[in-house]
Amino acid sequence: MWGRNSQTLFYRKGQAVMAVAVRGATPADWGTPEKLFEGPYLFIGGPTMFDVAPDGRFLMLKQSRGDGVTLTPDNVVVVQHWFDELKRLVPTK
C-alpha cells in the first residue's frame, strides 16, 4: 500500500508491517526496508488488510481477545450515514 505522500511503500512480511522509501524507478534505488511493528493482526482475504491515515496512523484489526483465543470474524458491520444515525439516537434537545 502506498503512503499518502506516494514516496513510502508499506507491506507485510509475516506478522510485521514494513515500510520502504521509494526514491527511484527500481527497487535497487529504494531505501532500506524498516520494520514498523508486528503483532497478531488479521491478514485475511487480501494482501493488505490495513490502511494508513493521512497523519500516518494505521487502521488494523487485532487477531486475539487477549486470552490466547484466536478470533476470525465472520462478518463486518458497516454503518452508513452514521452521523445522521447518531443524531437520531441521541437528540440534542
PDB file of N, CA and C in Angstrom:
ATOM      1  N   MET A   1       0.852  -1.156   0.000  1.00  0.00           N
ATOM      2  CA  MET A   1       0.000   0.000   0.000  1.00  0.00           C
ATOM      3  C   MET A   1       0.907   1.232   0.000  1.00  0.00           C
ATOM      4  N   TRP A   2       0.568   2.180  -0.832  1.00  0.00           N
ATOM      5  CA  TRP A   2       1.335   3.413  -0.906  1.00  0.00           C
ATOM      6  C   TRP A   2       0.934   4.356   0.224  1.00  0.00           C
ATOM      7  N   GLY A   3       1.893   5.050   0.801  1.00  0.00           N
ATOM      8  CA  GLY A   3       1.622   6.086   1.783  1.00  0.00           C
ATOM      9  C   GLY A   3       0.994   7.285   1.098  1.00  0.00           C
ATOM     10  N   ARG A   4       0.420   8.155   1.889  1.00  0.00           N
ATOM     11  CA  ARG A   4      -0.269   9.330   1.324  1.00  0.00           C
ATOM     12  C   ARG A   4       0.675  10.246   0.552  1.00  0.00           C
ATOM     13  N   ASN A   5       1.965  10.199   0.878  1.00  0.00           N
ATOM     14  CA  ASN A   5       2.924  11.058   0.188  1.00  0.00           C
ATOM     15  C   ASN A   5       3.436  10.437  -1.111  1.00  0.00           C
ATOM     16  N   SER A   6       3.002   9.222  -1.436  1.00  0.00           N
ATOM     17  CA  SER A   6       3.409   8.477  -2.636  1.00  0.00           C
ATOM     18  C   SER A   6       4.918   8.259  -2.705  1.00  0.00           C
ATOM     19  N   GLN A   7       5.597   8.362  -1.568  1.00  0.00           N
ATOM     20  CA  GLN A   7       7.037   8.133  -1.528  1.00  0.00           C
ATOM     21  C   GLN A   7       7.408   7.005  -0.568  1.00  0.00           C
ATOM     22  N   THR A   8       6.403   6.434   0.098  1.00  0.00           N
ATOM     23  CA  THR A   8       6.637   5.339   1.027  1.00  0.00           C
ATOM     24  C   THR A   8       5.715   4.187   0.668  1.00  0.00           C
ATOM     25  N   LEU A   9       6.278   2.997   0.624  1.00  0.00           N
ATOM     26  CA  LEU A   9       5.513   1.798   0.335  1.00  0.00           C
ATOM     27  C   LEU A   9       5.445   0.964   1.611  1.00  0.00           C
ATOM     28  N   PHE A  10       4.223   0.607   2.035  1.00  0.00           N
ATOM     29  CA  PHE A  10       4.005  -0.221   3.210  1.00  0.00           C
ATOM     30  C   PHE A  10       3.618  -1.618   2.742  1.00  0.00           C
ATOM     31  N   TYR A  11       4.139  -2.636   3.417  1.00  0.00           N
ATOM     32  CA  TYR A  11       3.806  -4.006   3.049  1.00  0.00           C
ATOM     33  C   TYR A  11       3.968  -4.912   4.259  1.00  0.00           C
ATOM     34  N   ARG A  12       3.451  -6.137   4.135  1.00  0.00           N
ATOM     35  CA  ARG A  12       3.564  -7.124   5.196  1.00  0.00           C
ATOM     36  C   ARG A  12       4.739  -8.045   4.931  1.00  0.00           C
ATOM     37  N   LYS A  13       5.347  -8.493   6.030  1.00  0.00           N
ATOM     38  CA  LYS A  13       6.358  -9.536   5.971  1.00  0.00           C
ATOM     39  C   LYS A  13       6.094 -10.419   7.171  1.00  0.00           C
ATOM     40  N   GLY A  14       5.336 -11.513   6.951  1.00  0.00           N
ATOM     41  CA  GLY A  14       4.869 -12.321   8.079  1.00  0.00           C
ATOM     42  C   GLY A  14       3.858 -11.523   8.881  1.00  0.00           C
ATOM     43  N   GLN A  15       4.063 -11.407  10.176  1.00  0.00           N
ATOM     44  CA  GLN A  15       3.181 -10.603  11.035  1.00  0.00           C
ATOM     45  C   GLN A  15       3.664  -9.163  11.164  1.00  0.00           C
ATOM     46  N   ALA A  16       4.753  -8.817  10.481  1.00  0.00           N
ATOM     47  CA  ALA A  16       5.311  -7.465  10.569  1.00  0.00           C
ATOM     48  C   ALA A  16       4.755  -6.574   9.465  1.00  0.00           C
ATOM     49  N   VAL A  17       4.642  -5.286   9.771  1.00  0.00           N
ATOM     50  CA  VAL A  17       4.329  -4.275   8.772  1.00  0.00           C
ATOM     51  C   VAL A  17       5.624  -3.508   8.523  1.00  0.00           C
ATOM     52  N   MET A  18       6.000  -3.469   7.264  1.00  0.00           N
ATOM     53  CA  MET A  18       7.262  -2.876   6.850  1.00  0.00           C
ATOM     54  C   MET A  18       7.009  -1.585   6.071  1.00  0.00           C
ATOM     55  N   ALA A  19       8.033  -0.739   6.014  1.00  0.00           N
ATOM     56  CA  ALA A  19       7.977   0.482   5.211  1.00  0.00           C
ATOM     57  C   ALA A  19       9.302   0.639   4.477  1.00  0.00           C
ATOM     58  N   VAL A  20       9.219   1.132   3.253  1.00  0.00           N
ATOM     59  CA  VAL A  20      10.426   1.411   2.488  1.00  0.00           C
ATOM     60  C   VAL A  20      10.213   2.714   1.727  1.00  0.00           C
ATOM     61  N   ALA A  21      11.242   3.563   1.738  1.00  0.00           N
ATOM     62  CA  ALA A  21      11.195   4.820   0.988  1.00  0.00           C
ATOM     63  C   ALA A  21      11.488   4.517  -0.479  1.00  0.00           C
ATOM     64  N   VAL A  22      10.630   5.006  -1.359  1.00  0.00           N
ATOM     65  CA  VAL A  22      10.779   4.776  -2.799  1.00  0.00           C
ATOM     66  C   VAL A  22      11.413   6.019  -3.400  1.00  0.00           C
ATOM     67  N   ARG A  23      12.674   5.879  -3.804  1.00  0.00           N
ATOM     68  CA  ARG A  23      13.434   7.037  -4.278  1.00  0.00           C
ATOM     69  C   ARG A  23      13.750   6.992  -5.762  1.00  0.00           C
ATOM     70  N   GLY A  24      13.475   5.859  -6.406  1.00  0.00           N
ATOM     71  CA  GLY A  24      13.827   5.731  -7.812  1.00  0.00           C
ATOM     72  C   GLY A  24      12.889   4.793  -8.531  1.00  0.00           C
ATOM     73  N   ALA A  25      13.221   4.483  -9.765  1.00  0.00           N
ATOM     74  CA  ALA A  25      12.347   3.680 -10.613  1.00  0.00           C
ATOM     75  C   ALA A  25      12.434   2.194 -10.318  1.00  0.00           C
ATOM     76  N   THR A  26      13.507   1.715  -9.725  1.00  0.00           N
ATOM     77  CA  THR A  26      13.659   0.285  -9.463  1.00  0.00           C
ATOM     78  C   THR A  26      13.939   0.053  -7.982  1.00  0.00           C
ATOM     79  N   PRO A  27      13.628  -1.134  -7.484  1.00  0.00           N
ATOM     80  CA  PRO A  27      13.891  -1.433  -6.067  1.00  0.00           C
ATOM     81  C   PRO A  27      15.354  -1.231  -5.659  1.00  0.00           C
ATOM     82  N   ALA A  28      16.277  -1.339  -6.595  1.00  0.00           N
ATOM     83  CA  ALA A  28      17.685  -1.110  -6.273  1.00  0.00           C
ATOM     84  C   ALA A  28      17.932   0.330  -5.828  1.00  0.00           C
ATOM     85  N   ASP A  29      17.061   1.247  -6.243  1.00  0.00           N
ATOM     86  CA  ASP A  29      17.207   2.669  -5.879  1.00  0.00           C
ATOM     87  C   ASP A  29      16.472   3.030  -4.600  1.00  0.00           C
ATOM     88  N   TRP A  30      15.721   2.092  -4.026  1.00  0.00           N
ATOM     89  CA  TRP A  30      14.890   2.386  -2.860  1.00  0.00           C
ATOM     90  C   TRP A  30      15.718   2.344  -1.587  1.00  0.00           C
ATOM     91  N   GLY A  31      15.140   2.845  -0.512  1.00  0.00           N
ATOM     92  CA  GLY A  31      15.801   2.822   0.784  1.00  0.00           C
ATOM     93  C   GLY A  31      15.793   1.421   1.386  1.00  0.00           C
ATOM     94  N   THR A  32      16.345   1.313   2.571  1.00  0.00           N
ATOM     95  CA  THR A  32      16.371   0.043   3.293  1.00  0.00           C
ATOM     96  C   THR A  32      15.021  -0.181   3.967  1.00  0.00           C
ATOM     97  N   PRO A  33      14.406  -1.344   3.766  1.00  0.00           N
ATOM     98  CA  PRO A  33      13.127  -1.614   4.436  1.00  0.00           C
ATOM     99  C   PRO A  33      13.277  -1.558   5.955  1.00  0.00           C
ATOM    100  N   GLU A  34      12.236  -1.037   6.603  1.00  0.00           N
ATOM    101  CA  GLU A  34      12.243  -0.877   8.056  1.00  0.00           C
ATOM    102  C   GLU A  34      10.993  -1.542   8.638  1.00  0.00           C
ATOM    103  N   LYS A  35      11.186  -2.352   9.677  1.00  0.00           N
ATOM    104  CA  LYS A  35      10.037  -2.959  10.350  1.00  0.00           C
ATOM    105  C   LYS A  35       9.422  -1.906  11.263  1.00  0.00           C
ATOM    106  N   LEU A  36       8.136  -1.588  11.040  1.00  0.00           N
ATOM    107  CA  LEU A  36       7.458  -0.595  11.858  1.00  0.00           C
ATOM    108  C   LEU A  36       6.930  -1.213  13.143  1.00  0.00           C
ATOM    109  N   PHE A  37       6.261  -2.348  13.027  1.00  0.00           N
ATOM    110  CA  PHE A  37       5.718  -3.057  14.178  1.00  0.00           C
ATOM    111  C   PHE A  37       5.258  -4.430  13.725  1.00  0.00           C
ATOM    112  N   GLU A  38       4.976  -5.299  14.685  1.00  0.00           N
ATOM    113  CA  GLU A  38       4.410  -6.601  14.357  1.00  0.00           C
ATOM    114  C   GLU A  38       3.505  -7.035  15.494  1.00  0.00           C
ATOM    115  N   GLY A  39       2.627  -7.950  15.180  1.00  0.00           N
ATOM    116  CA  GLY A  39       1.711  -8.438  16.191  1.00  0.00           C
ATOM    117  C   GLY A  39       0.631  -9.296  15.585  1.00  0.00           C
ATOM    118  N   PRO A  40      -0.289  -9.729  16.421  1.00  0.00           N
ATOM    119  CA  PRO A  40      -1.353 -10.629  15.958  1.00  0.00           C
ATOM    120  C   PRO A  40      -2.487  -9.873  15.275  1.00  0.00           C
ATOM    121  N   TYR A  41      -2.214  -9.335  14.098  1.00  0.00           N
ATOM    122  CA  TYR A  41      -3.230  -8.607  13.345  1.00  0.00           C
ATOM    123  C   TYR A  41      -3.806  -9.503  12.264  1.00  0.00           C
ATOM    124  N   LEU A  42      -5.053  -9.298  11.924  1.00  0.00           N
ATOM    125  CA  LEU A  42      -5.705 -10.109  10.893  1.00  0.00           C
ATOM    126  C   LEU A  42      -5.166  -9.738   9.520  1.00  0.00           C
ATOM    127  N   PHE A  43      -4.760 -10.747   8.792  1.00  0.00           N
ATOM    128  CA  PHE A  43      -4.337 -10.591   7.411  1.00  0.00           C
ATOM    129  C   PHE A  43      -5.054 -11.661   6.610  1.00  0.00           C
ATOM    130  N   ILE A  44      -6.353 -11.443   6.356  1.00  0.00           N
ATOM    131  CA  ILE A  44      -7.137 -12.431   5.623  1.00  0.00           C
ATOM    132  C   ILE A  44      -7.799 -11.759   4.429  1.00  0.00           C
ATOM    133  N   GLY A  45      -7.960 -12.500   3.382  1.00  0.00           N
ATOM    134  CA  GLY A  45      -8.754 -12.038   2.255  1.00  0.00           C
ATOM    135  C   GLY A  45      -8.088 -11.046   1.328  1.00  0.00           C
ATOM    136  N   GLY A  46      -6.865 -10.680   1.568  1.00  0.00           N
ATOM    137  CA  GLY A  46      -6.213  -9.735   0.683  1.00  0.00           C
ATOM    138  C   GLY A  46      -4.797  -9.464   1.129  1.00  0.00           C
ATOM    139  N   PRO A  47      -4.049  -8.776   0.304  1.00  0.00           N
ATOM    140  CA  PRO A  47      -2.641  -8.571   0.611  1.00  0.00           C
ATOM    141  C   PRO A  47      -2.374  -7.520   1.691  1.00  0.00           C
ATOM    142  N   THR A  48      -3.309  -6.628   1.943  1.00  0.00           N
ATOM    143  CA  THR A  48      -3.021  -5.554   2.893  1.00  0.00           C
ATOM    144  C   THR A  48      -3.787  -5.698   4.197  1.00  0.00           C
ATOM    145  N   MET A  49      -5.088  -5.592   4.160  1.00  0.00           N
ATOM    146  CA  MET A  49      -5.942  -5.631   5.349  1.00  0.00           C
ATOM    147  C   MET A  49      -5.547  -4.556   6.374  1.00  0.00           C
ATOM    148  N   PHE A  50      -5.060  -3.438   5.898  1.00  0.00           N
ATOM    149  CA  PHE A  50      -4.801  -2.292   6.755  1.00  0.00           C
ATOM    150  C   PHE A  50      -4.895  -1.043   5.900  1.00  0.00           C
ATOM    151  N   ASP A  51      -4.968   0.090   6.571  1.00  0.00           N
ATOM    152  CA  ASP A  51      -4.959   1.355   5.853  1.00  0.00           C
ATOM    153  C   ASP A  51      -4.111   2.325   6.645  1.00  0.00           C
ATOM    154  N   VAL A  52      -3.587   3.321   5.951  1.00  0.00           N
ATOM    155  CA  VAL A  52      -2.747   4.329   6.574  1.00  0.00           C
ATOM    156  C   VAL A  52      -3.471   5.667   6.493  1.00  0.00           C
ATOM    157  N   ALA A  53      -3.695   6.281   7.653  1.00  0.00           N
ATOM    158  CA  ALA A  53      -4.376   7.570   7.709  1.00  0.00           C
ATOM    159  C   ALA A  53      -3.427   8.679   7.245  1.00  0.00           C
ATOM    160  N   PRO A  54      -3.966   9.833   6.875  1.00  0.00           N
ATOM    161  CA  PRO A  54      -3.106  10.939   6.441  1.00  0.00           C
ATOM    162  C   PRO A  54      -2.060  11.343   7.488  1.00  0.00           C
ATOM    163  N   ASP A  55      -2.373  11.133   8.766  1.00  0.00           N
ATOM    164  CA  ASP A  55      -1.403  11.501   9.811  1.00  0.00           C
ATOM    165  C   ASP A  55      -0.415  10.375  10.113  1.00  0.00           C
ATOM    166  N   GLY A  56      -0.467   9.277   9.339  1.00  0.00           N
ATOM    167  CA  GLY A  56       0.496   8.203   9.490  1.00  0.00           C
ATOM    168  C   GLY A  56       0.074   7.071  10.411  1.00  0.00           C
ATOM    169  N   ARG A  57      -1.077   7.192  11.069  1.00  0.00           N
ATOM    170  CA  ARG A  57      -1.547   6.104  11.929  1.00  0.00           C
ATOM    171  C   ARG A  57      -2.110   4.985  11.075  1.00  0.00           C
ATOM    172  N   PHE A  58      -2.090   3.765  11.627  1.00  0.00           N
ATOM    173  CA  PHE A  58      -2.574   2.585  10.913  1.00  0.00           C
ATOM    174  C   PHE A  58      -3.929   2.167  11.451  1.00  0.00           C
ATOM    175  N   LEU A  59      -4.774   1.677  10.558  1.00  0.00           N
ATOM    176  CA  LEU A  59      -6.047   1.071  10.925  1.00  0.00           C
ATOM    177  C   LEU A  59      -5.927  -0.407  10.601  1.00  0.00           C
ATOM    178  N   MET A  60      -6.035  -1.245  11.665  1.00  0.00           N
ATOM    179  CA  MET A  60      -5.886  -2.685  11.505  1.00  0.00           C
ATOM    180  C   MET A  60      -6.838  -3.389  12.455  1.00  0.00           C
ATOM    181  N   LEU A  61      -7.087  -4.668  12.222  1.00  0.00           N
ATOM    182  CA  LEU A  61      -7.921  -5.479  13.099  1.00  0.00           C
ATOM    183  C   LEU A  61      -7.036  -6.397  13.928  1.00  0.00           C
ATOM    184  N   LYS A  62      -7.235  -6.383  15.234  1.00  0.00           N
ATOM    185  CA  LYS A  62      -6.486  -7.248  16.137  1.00  0.00           C
ATOM    186  C   LYS A  62      -7.008  -8.675  16.039  1.00  0.00           C
ATOM    187  N   GLN A  63      -6.128  -9.658  16.194  1.00  0.00           N
ATOM    188  CA  GLN A  63      -6.495 -11.045  15.958  1.00  0.00           C
ATOM    189  C   GLN A  63      -6.950 -11.795  17.196  1.00  0.00           C
ATOM    190  N   SER A  64      -6.570 -11.409  18.390  1.00  0.00           N
ATOM    191  CA  SER A  64      -6.949 -12.212  19.554  1.00  0.00           C
ATOM    192  C   SER A  64      -7.660 -11.358  20.592  1.00  0.00           C
ATOM    193  N   ARG A  65      -8.340 -12.035  21.511  1.00  0.00           N
ATOM    194  CA  ARG A  65      -9.067 -11.356  22.583  1.00  0.00           C
ATOM    195  C   ARG A  65      -8.145 -11.006  23.740  1.00  0.00           C
ATOM    196  N   GLY A  66      -6.921 -11.450  23.714  1.00  0.00           N
ATOM    197  CA  GLY A  66      -6.015 -11.200  24.806  1.00  0.00           C
ATOM    198  C   GLY A  66      -5.877 -12.393  25.733  1.00  0.00           C
ATOM    199  N   ASP A  67      -6.723 -13.410  25.553  1.00  0.00           N
ATOM    200  CA  ASP A  67      -6.632 -14.599  26.393  1.00  0.00           C
ATOM    201  C   ASP A  67      -6.067 -15.783  25.604  1.00  0.00           C
ATOM    202  N   GLY A  68      -5.444 -15.488  24.460  1.00  0.00           N
ATOM    203  CA  GLY A  68      -4.837 -16.538  23.657  1.00  0.00           C
ATOM    204  C   GLY A  68      -5.771 -17.169  22.650  1.00  0.00           C
ATOM    205  N   VAL A  69      -7.053 -16.827  22.693  1.00  0.00           N
ATOM    206  CA  VAL A  69      -8.018 -17.399  21.757  1.00  0.00           C
ATOM    207  C   VAL A  69      -7.978 -16.593  20.458  1.00  0.00           C
ATOM    208  N   THR A  70      -7.717 -17.272  19.357  1.00  0.00           N
ATOM    209  CA  THR A  70      -7.678 -16.613  18.058  1.00  0.00           C
ATOM    210  C   THR A  70      -9.093 -16.429  17.537  1.00  0.00           C
ATOM    211  N   LEU A  71      -9.363 -15.226  17.090  1.00  0.00           N
ATOM    212  CA  LEU A  71     -10.682 -14.915  16.555  1.00  0.00           C
ATOM    213  C   LEU A  71     -10.608 -14.733  15.046  1.00  0.00           C
ATOM    214  N   THR A  72     -11.554 -15.245  14.348  1.00  0.00           N
ATOM    215  CA  THR A  72     -11.702 -14.994  12.925  1.00  0.00           C
ATOM    216  C   THR A  72     -13.101 -14.430  12.731  1.00  0.00           C
ATOM    217  N   PRO A  73     -13.187 -13.169  12.344  1.00  0.00           N
ATOM    218  CA  PRO A  73     -14.521 -12.583  12.202  1.00  0.00           C
ATOM    219  C   PRO A  73     -15.299 -13.249  11.074  1.00  0.00           C
ATOM    220  N   ASP A  74     -16.597 -13.430  11.306  1.00  0.00           N
ATOM    221  CA  ASP A  74     -17.427 -13.990  10.251  1.00  0.00           C
ATOM    222  C   ASP A  74     -18.308 -12.936   9.608  1.00  0.00           C
ATOM    223  N   ASN A  75     -18.240 -11.708  10.134  1.00  0.00           N
ATOM    224  CA  ASN A  75     -18.964 -10.611   9.498  1.00  0.00           C
ATOM    225  C   ASN A  75     -18.374  -9.286   9.927  1.00  0.00           C
ATOM    226  N   VAL A  76     -18.683  -8.272   9.168  1.00  0.00           N
ATOM    227  CA  VAL A  76     -18.283  -6.905   9.468  1.00  0.00           C
ATOM    228  C   VAL A  76     -19.525  -6.052   9.321  1.00  0.00           C
ATOM    229  N   VAL A  77     -19.786  -5.201  10.305  1.00  0.00           N
ATOM    230  CA  VAL A  77     -20.950  -4.320  10.256  1.00  0.00           C
ATOM    231  C   VAL A  77     -20.482  -2.941   9.801  1.00  0.00           C
ATOM    232  N   VAL A  78     -21.062  -2.454   8.722  1.00  0.00           N
ATOM    233  CA  VAL A  78     -20.744  -1.135   8.197  1.00  0.00           C
ATOM    234  C   VAL A  78     -21.977  -0.261   8.387  1.00  0.00           C
ATOM    235  N   VAL A  79     -21.806   0.862   9.074  1.00  0.00           N
ATOM    236  CA  VAL A  79     -22.914   1.776   9.306  1.00  0.00           C
ATOM    237  C   VAL A  79     -22.712   2.987   8.398  1.00  0.00           C
ATOM    238  N   GLN A  80     -23.576   3.099   7.411  1.00  0.00           N
ATOM    239  CA  GLN A  80     -23.519   4.253   6.527  1.00  0.00           C
ATOM    240  C   GLN A  80     -24.307   5.396   7.151  1.00  0.00           C
ATOM    241  N   HIS A  81     -23.875   6.589   6.874  1.00  0.00           N
ATOM    242  CA  HIS A  81     -24.534   7.798   7.387  1.00  0.00           C
ATOM    243  C   HIS A  81     -24.622   7.735   8.920  1.00  0.00           C
ATOM    244  N   TRP A  82     -23.551   7.319   9.553  1.00  0.00           N
ATOM    245  CA  TRP A  82     -23.566   7.089  10.996  1.00  0.00           C
ATOM    246  C   TRP A  82     -23.807   8.374  11.780  1.00  0.00           C
ATOM    247  N   PHE A  83     -23.387   9.523  11.261  1.00  0.00           N
ATOM    248  CA  PHE A  83     -23.612  10.770  11.979  1.00  0.00           C
ATOM    249  C   PHE A  83     -25.108  11.078  12.063  1.00  0.00           C
ATOM    250  N   ASP A  84     -25.830  10.871  10.970  1.00  0.00           N
ATOM    251  CA  ASP A  84     -27.284  11.065  10.988  1.00  0.00           C
ATOM    252  C   ASP A  84     -27.942  10.097  11.966  1.00  0.00           C
ATOM    253  N   GLU A  85     -27.459   8.851  11.981  1.00  0.00           N
ATOM    254  CA  GLU A  85     -27.993   7.854  12.908  1.00  0.00           C
ATOM    255  C   GLU A  85     -27.701   8.251  14.358  1.00  0.00           C
ATOM    256  N   LEU A  86     -26.516   8.772  14.597  1.00  0.00           N
ATOM    257  CA  LEU A  86     -26.165   9.229  15.945  1.00  0.00           C
ATOM    258  C   LEU A  86     -27.077  10.378  16.381  1.00  0.00           C
ATOM    259  N   LYS A  87     -27.341  11.321  15.500  1.00  0.00           N
ATOM    260  CA  LYS A  87     -28.242  12.444  15.834  1.00  0.00           C
ATOM    261  C   LYS A  87     -29.656  11.931  16.117  1.00  0.00           C
ATOM    262  N   ARG A  88     -30.085  10.907  15.380  1.00  0.00           N
ATOM    263  CA  ARG A  88     -31.409  10.338  15.614  1.00  0.00           C
ATOM    264  C   ARG A  88     -31.469   9.650  16.981  1.00  0.00           C
ATOM    265  N   LEU A  89     -30.417   8.924  17.332  1.00  0.00           N
ATOM    266  CA  LEU A  89     -30.415   8.161  18.579  1.00  0.00           C
ATOM    267  C   LEU A  89     -30.154   9.027  19.810  1.00  0.00           C
ATOM    268  N   VAL A  90     -29.418  10.110  19.627  1.00  0.00           N
ATOM    269  CA  VAL A  90     -29.066  10.982  20.752  1.00  0.00           C
ATOM    270  C   VAL A  90     -29.421  12.424  20.364  1.00  0.00           C
ATOM    271  N   PRO A  91     -30.693  12.761  20.498  1.00  0.00           N
ATOM    272  CA  PRO A  91     -31.099  14.131  20.121  1.00  0.00           C
ATOM    273  C   PRO A  91     -30.447  15.158  21.052  1.00  0.00           C
ATOM    274  N   THR A  92     -30.169  16.316  20.502  1.00  0.00           N
ATOM    275  CA  THR A  92     -29.516  17.366  21.280  1.00  0.00           C
ATOM    276  C   THR A  92     -30.469  18.249  22.061  1.00  0.00           C
ATOM    277  N   LYS A  93     -31.779  18.039  21.915  1.00  0.00           N
ATOM    278  CA  LYS A  93     -32.768  18.861  22.617  1.00  0.00           C
ATOM    279  C   LYS A  93     -33.131  18.261  23.926  1.00  0.00           C
TER     280      LYS A  93
END
